N, C-alpha and C. Protein backbone atom coordinates (compact mmCIF):
# COMPACT_ATOMS: atom_id res chain seq x y z
N MET A 1 -30.70 31.04 -18.51
CA MET A 1 -30.07 30.90 -17.22
C MET A 1 -30.18 29.46 -16.72
N ARG A 2 -31.28 28.82 -17.05
CA ARG A 2 -31.44 27.44 -16.59
C ARG A 2 -30.41 26.51 -17.23
N GLY A 3 -30.06 26.75 -18.47
CA GLY A 3 -29.08 25.91 -19.15
C GLY A 3 -27.71 25.98 -18.49
N SER A 4 -27.31 27.19 -18.09
CA SER A 4 -26.00 27.33 -17.43
C SER A 4 -26.01 26.71 -16.04
N GLU A 5 -27.16 26.79 -15.35
CA GLU A 5 -27.27 26.15 -14.04
C GLU A 5 -27.14 24.64 -14.17
N ARG A 6 -27.78 24.08 -15.17
CA ARG A 6 -27.71 22.64 -15.37
C ARG A 6 -26.28 22.19 -15.69
N SER A 7 -25.61 22.93 -16.56
CA SER A 7 -24.25 22.53 -16.92
C SER A 7 -23.33 22.67 -15.71
N GLY A 8 -23.54 23.69 -14.87
CA GLY A 8 -22.74 23.86 -13.65
C GLY A 8 -22.96 22.72 -12.68
N LYS A 9 -24.22 22.31 -12.51
CA LYS A 9 -24.51 21.19 -11.62
C LYS A 9 -23.93 19.90 -12.16
N GLY A 10 -23.97 19.74 -13.47
CA GLY A 10 -23.41 18.53 -14.08
C GLY A 10 -21.91 18.43 -13.86
N VAL A 11 -21.23 19.57 -13.97
CA VAL A 11 -19.78 19.58 -13.75
C VAL A 11 -19.47 19.24 -12.30
N LEU A 12 -20.21 19.83 -11.37
CA LEU A 12 -19.99 19.54 -9.95
C LEU A 12 -20.25 18.08 -9.64
N LYS A 13 -21.31 17.53 -10.25
CA LYS A 13 -21.65 16.13 -10.01
C LYS A 13 -20.53 15.22 -10.52
N GLU A 14 -19.97 15.52 -11.68
CA GLU A 14 -18.87 14.72 -12.24
C GLU A 14 -17.62 14.84 -11.38
N GLN A 15 -17.33 16.04 -10.88
CA GLN A 15 -16.16 16.20 -10.00
C GLN A 15 -16.34 15.39 -8.73
N TYR A 16 -17.54 15.41 -8.17
CA TYR A 16 -17.82 14.66 -6.96
C TYR A 16 -17.64 13.16 -7.20
N LYS A 17 -18.14 12.68 -8.34
CA LYS A 17 -18.01 11.25 -8.66
C LYS A 17 -16.54 10.86 -8.78
N SER A 18 -15.74 11.67 -9.46
CA SER A 18 -14.32 11.33 -9.63
C SER A 18 -13.59 11.39 -8.30
N GLN A 19 -13.93 12.35 -7.43
CA GLN A 19 -13.29 12.43 -6.12
C GLN A 19 -13.65 11.22 -5.27
N MET A 20 -14.90 10.80 -5.31
CA MET A 20 -15.31 9.63 -4.54
C MET A 20 -14.64 8.37 -5.06
N MET A 21 -14.48 8.27 -6.38
CA MET A 21 -13.83 7.11 -6.97
C MET A 21 -12.37 7.04 -6.51
N ILE A 22 -11.67 8.17 -6.52
CA ILE A 22 -10.27 8.21 -6.08
C ILE A 22 -10.19 7.84 -4.60
N TYR A 23 -11.09 8.37 -3.78
CA TYR A 23 -11.09 8.07 -2.35
C TYR A 23 -11.33 6.58 -2.11
N ASN A 24 -12.29 5.99 -2.82
CA ASN A 24 -12.58 4.57 -2.64
C ASN A 24 -11.39 3.71 -3.04
N ILE A 25 -10.74 4.04 -4.14
CA ILE A 25 -9.57 3.26 -4.58
C ILE A 25 -8.45 3.41 -3.56
N ARG A 26 -8.20 4.64 -3.10
CA ARG A 26 -7.12 4.87 -2.15
C ARG A 26 -7.38 4.14 -0.84
N SER A 27 -8.60 4.19 -0.33
CA SER A 27 -8.90 3.53 0.93
C SER A 27 -8.83 2.01 0.78
N PHE A 28 -9.18 1.48 -0.40
CA PHE A 28 -9.05 0.04 -0.63
C PHE A 28 -7.60 -0.39 -0.53
N PHE A 29 -6.70 0.33 -1.21
CA PHE A 29 -5.29 -0.05 -1.17
C PHE A 29 -4.69 0.16 0.21
N GLN A 30 -5.13 1.19 0.91
CA GLN A 30 -4.61 1.44 2.25
C GLN A 30 -4.95 0.26 3.15
N ASN A 31 -6.19 -0.20 3.12
CA ASN A 31 -6.59 -1.34 3.94
C ASN A 31 -5.90 -2.61 3.47
N LEU A 32 -5.74 -2.77 2.17
CA LEU A 32 -5.11 -3.97 1.63
C LEU A 32 -3.67 -4.08 2.09
N LEU A 33 -2.93 -2.97 2.09
CA LEU A 33 -1.53 -3.01 2.49
C LEU A 33 -1.37 -3.37 3.96
N VAL A 34 -2.20 -2.81 4.81
CA VAL A 34 -2.11 -3.11 6.23
C VAL A 34 -2.45 -4.57 6.48
N ILE A 35 -3.47 -5.08 5.84
CA ILE A 35 -3.86 -6.48 6.01
C ILE A 35 -2.77 -7.40 5.47
N ALA A 36 -2.19 -7.06 4.33
CA ALA A 36 -1.15 -7.90 3.74
C ALA A 36 0.07 -7.98 4.64
N LEU A 37 0.36 -6.93 5.36
CA LEU A 37 1.53 -6.94 6.25
C LEU A 37 1.28 -7.73 7.53
N LEU A 38 0.08 -7.66 8.05
CA LEU A 38 -0.16 -8.19 9.38
C LEU A 38 -0.69 -9.61 9.42
N THR A 39 -1.20 -10.13 8.32
CA THR A 39 -1.79 -11.47 8.38
C THR A 39 -1.14 -12.40 7.36
N PRO A 40 -0.48 -13.47 7.83
CA PRO A 40 0.04 -14.46 6.88
C PRO A 40 -1.11 -15.30 6.33
N HIS A 41 -1.16 -15.48 5.02
CA HIS A 41 -2.30 -16.16 4.41
C HIS A 41 -1.96 -17.55 3.88
N SER A 42 -0.70 -17.89 3.80
CA SER A 42 -0.39 -19.17 3.19
C SER A 42 0.51 -19.99 4.09
N ALA A 43 0.51 -21.29 3.85
CA ALA A 43 1.35 -22.19 4.64
C ALA A 43 2.83 -21.92 4.39
N ALA A 44 3.19 -21.59 3.16
CA ALA A 44 4.60 -21.31 2.84
C ALA A 44 5.09 -20.09 3.62
N LEU A 45 4.26 -19.08 3.71
CA LEU A 45 4.65 -17.89 4.47
C LEU A 45 4.79 -18.23 5.95
N HIS A 46 3.88 -19.04 6.45
CA HIS A 46 3.93 -19.44 7.86
C HIS A 46 5.22 -20.19 8.15
N VAL A 47 5.58 -21.14 7.30
CA VAL A 47 6.80 -21.92 7.49
C VAL A 47 8.02 -21.01 7.37
N GLY A 48 7.99 -20.08 6.41
CA GLY A 48 9.11 -19.15 6.25
C GLY A 48 9.30 -18.28 7.48
N LEU A 49 8.21 -17.77 8.02
CA LEU A 49 8.31 -16.94 9.22
C LEU A 49 8.81 -17.75 10.40
N LYS A 50 8.37 -19.00 10.49
CA LYS A 50 8.80 -19.85 11.58
C LYS A 50 10.30 -20.11 11.50
N SER A 51 10.80 -20.40 10.30
CA SER A 51 12.22 -20.69 10.16
C SER A 51 13.05 -19.43 10.40
N LEU A 52 12.56 -18.26 9.99
CA LEU A 52 13.28 -17.02 10.28
C LEU A 52 13.34 -16.76 11.78
N ALA A 53 12.25 -17.07 12.48
CA ALA A 53 12.24 -16.86 13.92
C ALA A 53 13.24 -17.80 14.60
N LEU A 54 13.33 -19.02 14.13
CA LEU A 54 14.28 -19.97 14.72
C LEU A 54 15.72 -19.52 14.49
N LEU A 55 15.98 -18.86 13.38
CA LEU A 55 17.33 -18.38 13.10
C LEU A 55 17.64 -17.07 13.82
N GLY A 56 16.65 -16.46 14.44
CA GLY A 56 16.87 -15.23 15.20
C GLY A 56 16.73 -13.96 14.41
N HIS A 57 16.15 -14.02 13.22
CA HIS A 57 16.02 -12.83 12.39
C HIS A 57 14.83 -11.95 12.77
N LEU A 58 13.91 -12.45 13.56
CA LEU A 58 12.69 -11.69 13.86
C LEU A 58 12.71 -11.11 15.28
N ARG A 59 13.89 -10.89 15.84
CA ARG A 59 13.96 -10.38 17.21
C ARG A 59 13.35 -8.99 17.35
N ASN A 60 13.63 -8.10 16.43
CA ASN A 60 13.16 -6.71 16.54
C ASN A 60 12.06 -6.42 15.53
N ILE A 61 11.18 -7.37 15.29
CA ILE A 61 10.17 -7.19 14.26
C ILE A 61 9.20 -6.06 14.59
N SER A 62 8.82 -5.89 15.86
CA SER A 62 7.88 -4.82 16.20
C SER A 62 8.53 -3.46 15.97
N TYR A 63 9.81 -3.33 16.26
CA TYR A 63 10.52 -2.08 16.01
C TYR A 63 10.57 -1.78 14.52
N LYS A 64 10.83 -2.80 13.71
CA LYS A 64 10.90 -2.60 12.26
C LYS A 64 9.53 -2.22 11.70
N LEU A 65 8.48 -2.87 12.15
CA LEU A 65 7.14 -2.55 11.66
C LEU A 65 6.73 -1.14 12.07
N LYS A 66 7.11 -0.72 13.28
CA LYS A 66 6.76 0.62 13.74
C LYS A 66 7.42 1.67 12.85
N ASN A 67 8.63 1.41 12.40
CA ASN A 67 9.32 2.36 11.54
C ASN A 67 8.76 2.35 10.12
N MET A 68 8.10 1.28 9.70
CA MET A 68 7.58 1.19 8.34
C MET A 68 6.17 1.77 8.20
N ILE A 69 5.48 2.05 9.30
CA ILE A 69 4.10 2.51 9.22
C ILE A 69 3.96 3.81 8.41
N PRO A 70 4.83 4.84 8.58
CA PRO A 70 4.68 6.02 7.71
C PRO A 70 4.84 5.69 6.23
N LEU A 71 5.73 4.76 5.92
CA LEU A 71 5.93 4.35 4.54
C LEU A 71 4.68 3.67 3.99
N ILE A 72 4.04 2.85 4.81
CA ILE A 72 2.83 2.15 4.39
C ILE A 72 1.75 3.15 3.98
N PHE A 73 1.50 4.16 4.83
CA PHE A 73 0.44 5.11 4.54
C PHE A 73 0.81 6.05 3.40
N THR A 74 2.09 6.34 3.25
CA THR A 74 2.52 7.17 2.13
C THR A 74 2.25 6.45 0.82
N LEU A 75 2.63 5.18 0.75
CA LEU A 75 2.41 4.41 -0.48
C LEU A 75 0.92 4.20 -0.74
N ALA A 76 0.14 4.02 0.32
CA ALA A 76 -1.30 3.85 0.14
C ALA A 76 -1.92 5.13 -0.41
N ALA A 77 -1.45 6.27 0.05
CA ALA A 77 -1.98 7.54 -0.44
C ALA A 77 -1.60 7.74 -1.91
N MET A 78 -0.45 7.23 -2.30
CA MET A 78 -0.03 7.36 -3.69
C MET A 78 -0.76 6.37 -4.59
N GLY A 79 -1.40 5.37 -4.01
CA GLY A 79 -2.18 4.42 -4.80
C GLY A 79 -1.35 3.30 -5.40
N LEU A 80 -0.20 2.99 -4.81
CA LEU A 80 0.61 1.89 -5.33
C LEU A 80 0.03 0.56 -4.87
N THR A 81 0.32 -0.48 -5.58
CA THR A 81 -0.22 -1.79 -5.23
C THR A 81 0.66 -2.47 -4.20
N ALA A 82 0.16 -3.56 -3.66
CA ALA A 82 0.91 -4.30 -2.66
C ALA A 82 2.21 -4.86 -3.24
N GLY A 83 2.21 -5.22 -4.50
CA GLY A 83 3.43 -5.75 -5.12
C GLY A 83 4.52 -4.70 -5.19
N ALA A 84 4.18 -3.49 -5.54
CA ALA A 84 5.17 -2.41 -5.57
C ALA A 84 5.65 -2.11 -4.16
N PHE A 85 4.76 -2.18 -3.19
CA PHE A 85 5.15 -1.96 -1.80
C PHE A 85 6.18 -3.00 -1.37
N TYR A 86 5.95 -4.24 -1.75
CA TYR A 86 6.87 -5.31 -1.38
C TYR A 86 8.25 -5.07 -1.99
N ILE A 87 8.29 -4.67 -3.24
CA ILE A 87 9.57 -4.44 -3.92
C ILE A 87 10.33 -3.28 -3.27
N PHE A 88 9.65 -2.16 -2.99
CA PHE A 88 10.32 -1.01 -2.40
C PHE A 88 10.81 -1.28 -0.99
N THR A 89 10.04 -2.04 -0.22
CA THR A 89 10.36 -2.21 1.19
C THR A 89 11.40 -3.29 1.43
N PHE A 90 11.31 -4.39 0.73
CA PHE A 90 12.14 -5.54 1.06
C PHE A 90 13.33 -5.74 0.13
N THR A 91 13.67 -4.76 -0.69
CA THR A 91 14.88 -4.86 -1.51
C THR A 91 16.07 -4.56 -0.61
N PRO A 92 17.07 -5.44 -0.56
CA PRO A 92 18.23 -5.20 0.31
C PRO A 92 18.94 -3.91 -0.06
N ARG A 93 19.44 -3.20 0.94
CA ARG A 93 20.15 -1.95 0.68
C ARG A 93 21.47 -2.25 -0.01
N GLY A 94 21.83 -1.38 -0.92
CA GLY A 94 23.08 -1.56 -1.65
C GLY A 94 22.92 -2.37 -2.91
N LYS A 95 21.80 -3.05 -3.06
CA LYS A 95 21.56 -3.83 -4.28
C LYS A 95 21.01 -2.92 -5.35
N LYS A 96 21.33 -3.22 -6.58
CA LYS A 96 20.84 -2.40 -7.69
C LYS A 96 19.55 -2.99 -8.22
N TRP A 97 18.68 -2.12 -8.71
CA TRP A 97 17.44 -2.55 -9.34
C TRP A 97 17.76 -3.17 -10.69
N ILE A 98 16.87 -3.98 -11.18
CA ILE A 98 17.04 -4.58 -12.49
C ILE A 98 17.06 -3.47 -13.53
N GLY A 99 18.06 -3.48 -14.40
CA GLY A 99 18.17 -2.46 -15.43
C GLY A 99 19.05 -1.29 -15.04
N GLN A 100 19.45 -1.20 -13.78
CA GLN A 100 20.36 -0.11 -13.38
C GLN A 100 21.79 -0.52 -13.65
N GLU A 101 22.62 0.45 -13.98
CA GLU A 101 24.02 0.15 -14.27
C GLU A 101 24.90 0.60 -13.13
């Protein structure tokens, strides 16, 4: 009986470890995506945002970000990286993906 108890505890311990690993990875990407959206980190991005604002493209930016928040958390839950998030979100509508006919 002791052998079966040990193997049962070992299985539970392994399941717990894998669940914690998935949770840690998911929470890392969730935080990474939110930070990547809200904080400009480079001078080129700063200059780009400034020039877009001067051209009038950033008038409704808070409205656009508010609509993207469910998408951000959905992608974070799926475990996609920030690069994939950028491709899915900022691809112009009507444009075809590379390799599509």
